[in-house]
């Protein structure tokens, strides 16, 4: 299993969906599973549960991922939890979708509400948060990929 990690707006869900469409293999998205389970947005779930319990809820979702899943798209902060990082490494190969922070900031600006993890939606706050997350991705992920395609993922799965 390939596990897509990266900051919000990096394209994890988009790439996973494109992979499923191209190859018909099973993909799983932790944010989609959370929103389905709670019938709320990620922002609302995070506000309701708080950071620690939100990460535990993500861990519960990880235990529901079917074993035959080929691509797993994760929430951008799933690696904030040590337990989630350990569990993900046991599940498969963690890939960091490294995206230019200027592009991420631009994508975040198109959202109707600031992300739950960024209560102060300034560029400075974003950059500080981004740097912190990058340290997590560097720690946990096996590979750092810039703008991978579905064919790149397919090659990694079948090498």
Protein backbone atom coordinates (compact mmCIF):
# COMPACT_ATOMS: atom_id res chain seq x y z
CA UNK A 1 0.00 0.00 0.00
CA UNK A 2 1.16 3.51 -0.83
CA UNK A 3 0.22 6.10 1.77
CA UNK A 4 -0.02 9.68 0.56
CA UNK A 5 1.00 12.28 3.13
CA UNK A 6 1.42 16.01 2.78
CA UNK A 7 0.09 19.39 3.69
CA UNK A 8 -3.53 20.41 3.09
CA UNK A 9 -3.92 21.20 -0.59
CA UNK A 10 -0.99 19.03 -1.71
CA UNK A 11 -3.29 16.91 -3.89
CA UNK A 12 -3.47 13.68 -1.88
CA UNK A 13 -7.19 13.09 -2.43
CA UNK A 14 -7.08 14.31 -6.02
CA UNK A 15 -4.22 11.96 -6.88
CA UNK A 16 -5.85 9.00 -5.10
CA UNK A 17 -9.14 9.53 -6.96
CA UNK A 18 -7.32 9.87 -10.28
CA UNK A 19 -5.45 6.63 -9.54
CA UNK A 20 -8.69 4.81 -8.81
CA UNK A 21 -10.24 6.13 -12.02
CA UNK A 22 -7.20 5.19 -14.12
CA UNK A 23 -6.48 1.73 -12.72
CA UNK A 24 -9.65 0.68 -10.90
CA UNK A 25 -7.70 -0.24 -7.76
CA UNK A 26 -9.12 0.39 -4.32
CA UNK A 27 -8.21 3.70 -2.72
CA UNK A 28 -9.17 4.97 0.71
CA UNK A 29 -9.29 8.55 2.02
CA UNK A 30 -9.12 9.08 5.79
CA UNK A 31 -10.74 12.53 5.65
CA UNK A 32 -13.63 11.21 3.57
CA UNK A 33 -14.10 8.32 6.00
CA UNK A 34 -14.11 10.72 8.96
CA UNK A 35 -16.63 13.07 7.38
CA UNK A 36 -18.86 10.11 6.54
CA UNK A 37 -18.61 8.65 10.05
CA UNK A 38 -19.36 11.95 11.79
CA UNK A 39 -21.59 13.51 9.13
CA UNK A 40 -19.65 16.76 9.62
CA UNK A 41 -16.79 18.59 7.95
CA UNK A 42 -13.22 17.98 9.08
CA UNK A 43 -13.23 21.49 10.56
CA UNK A 44 -16.38 20.73 12.58
CA UNK A 45 -15.07 17.35 13.76
CA UNK A 46 -11.77 18.89 14.85
CA UNK A 47 -13.59 21.67 16.72
CA UNK A 48 -15.86 19.12 18.43
CA UNK A 49 -13.16 16.64 19.42
CA UNK A 50 -10.09 18.79 19.91
CA UNK A 51 -6.64 17.93 18.56
CA UNK A 52 -5.85 14.85 20.67
CA UNK A 53 -9.21 13.13 20.22
CA UNK A 54 -9.31 14.08 16.55
CA UNK A 55 -6.00 12.24 16.03
CA UNK A 56 -7.40 9.25 17.94
CA UNK A 57 -10.43 9.28 15.65
CA UNK A 58 -8.06 9.23 12.66
CA UNK A 59 -6.35 6.23 14.26
CA UNK A 60 -9.72 4.48 14.55
CA UNK A 61 -10.30 5.13 10.84
CA UNK A 62 -6.86 3.67 10.00
CA UNK A 63 -7.89 0.40 11.62
CA UNK A 64 -10.85 0.25 9.21
CA UNK A 65 -8.78 0.53 6.01
CA UNK A 66 -9.29 -2.64 3.96
CA UNK A 67 -6.08 -4.65 3.64
CA UNK A 68 -6.36 -4.75 -0.17
CA UNK A 69 -6.30 -0.93 -0.44
CA UNK A 70 -3.65 0.18 -2.95
CA UNK A 71 -3.56 3.93 -2.23
CA UNK A 72 -4.37 5.61 1.08
CA UNK A 73 -4.85 9.39 1.12
CA UNK A 74 -4.38 10.81 4.62
CA UNK A 75 -5.27 14.04 6.33
CA UNK A 76 -2.43 16.55 6.40
CA UNK A 77 -1.92 16.31 10.16
CA UNK A 78 -2.31 12.58 10.67
CA UNK A 79 1.39 12.31 11.54
CA UNK A 80 0.92 14.69 14.50
CA UNK A 81 0.13 11.49 16.37
CA UNK A 82 3.05 9.16 17.09
CA UNK A 83 0.62 6.23 17.25
CA UNK A 84 -0.72 7.06 13.78
CA UNK A 85 2.79 7.31 12.35
CA UNK A 86 3.74 3.91 13.75
CA UNK A 87 0.50 2.34 12.50
CA UNK A 88 0.90 3.86 9.02
CA UNK A 89 4.45 2.56 8.70
CA UNK A 90 3.17 -0.93 9.44
CA UNK A 91 0.48 -0.52 6.78
CA UNK A 92 2.66 0.45 3.85
CA UNK A 93 5.03 2.95 2.27
CA UNK A 94 4.60 6.58 3.28
CA UNK A 95 5.08 9.09 0.48
CA UNK A 96 5.31 12.82 1.07
CA UNK A 97 3.64 14.84 -1.67
CA UNK A 98 5.94 17.84 -1.41
CA UNK A 99 4.24 20.93 -2.77
CA UNK A 100 5.56 24.47 -3.03
CA UNK A 101 4.32 26.44 -0.01
CA UNK A 102 3.31 29.37 -2.23
CA UNK A 103 0.98 27.07 -4.15
CA UNK A 104 -0.42 25.60 -0.91
CA UNK A 105 -1.07 29.09 0.46
CA UNK A 106 -2.84 30.01 -2.78
CA UNK A 107 -5.02 26.89 -2.58
CA UNK A 108 -5.88 27.56 1.07
CA UNK A 109 -7.05 31.04 0.10
CA UNK A 110 -9.74 29.55 -2.14
CA UNK A 111 -11.39 27.70 0.77
CA UNK A 112 -14.51 29.27 2.28
CA UNK A 113 -13.10 28.93 5.83
CA UNK A 114 -9.57 28.77 7.18
CA UNK A 115 -8.47 25.23 8.03
CA UNK A 116 -9.06 24.07 11.61
CA UNK A 117 -5.31 23.69 12.15
CA UNK A 118 -4.70 27.35 11.27
CA UNK A 119 -6.83 29.46 13.63
CA UNK A 120 -4.86 32.58 12.65
CA UNK A 121 -4.99 32.49 8.84
CA UNK A 122 -2.03 34.78 8.14
CA UNK A 123 0.77 33.97 5.75
CA UNK A 124 3.30 34.03 8.60
CA UNK A 125 1.22 31.59 10.69
CA UNK A 126 0.81 29.35 7.66
CA UNK A 127 4.57 29.26 6.98
CA UNK A 128 5.37 28.43 10.60
CA UNK A 129 2.78 25.64 10.58
CA UNK A 130 3.99 24.37 7.21
CA UNK A 131 7.60 24.14 8.48
CA UNK A 132 6.45 22.16 11.52
CA UNK A 133 4.51 19.73 9.35
CA UNK A 134 7.46 19.31 6.99
CA UNK A 135 9.53 18.05 9.91
CA UNK A 136 6.89 15.35 10.50
CA UNK A 137 6.81 14.35 6.84
CA UNK A 138 10.61 14.15 6.76
CA UNK A 139 10.59 11.97 9.86
CA UNK A 140 7.95 9.46 8.81
CA UNK A 141 7.93 9.31 5.01
CA UNK A 142 10.19 7.06 2.95
CA UNK A 143 10.07 9.18 -0.18
CA UNK A 144 9.50 12.81 -1.02
CA UNK A 145 7.75 13.29 -4.35
CA UNK A 146 7.10 16.52 -6.21
CA UNK A 147 4.02 16.46 -8.45
CA UNK A 148 3.76 12.67 -8.92
CA UNK A 149 1.35 11.25 -11.49
CA UNK A 150 -0.87 8.20 -11.21
CA UNK A 151 1.65 6.41 -13.40
CA UNK A 152 4.44 7.24 -10.94
CA UNK A 153 2.36 5.69 -8.17
CA UNK A 154 1.57 2.66 -10.29
CA UNK A 155 5.28 2.13 -10.96
CA UNK A 156 6.06 2.38 -7.24
CA UNK A 157 3.36 -0.16 -6.40
CA UNK A 158 4.51 -2.65 -9.03
CA UNK A 159 8.31 -2.32 -8.98
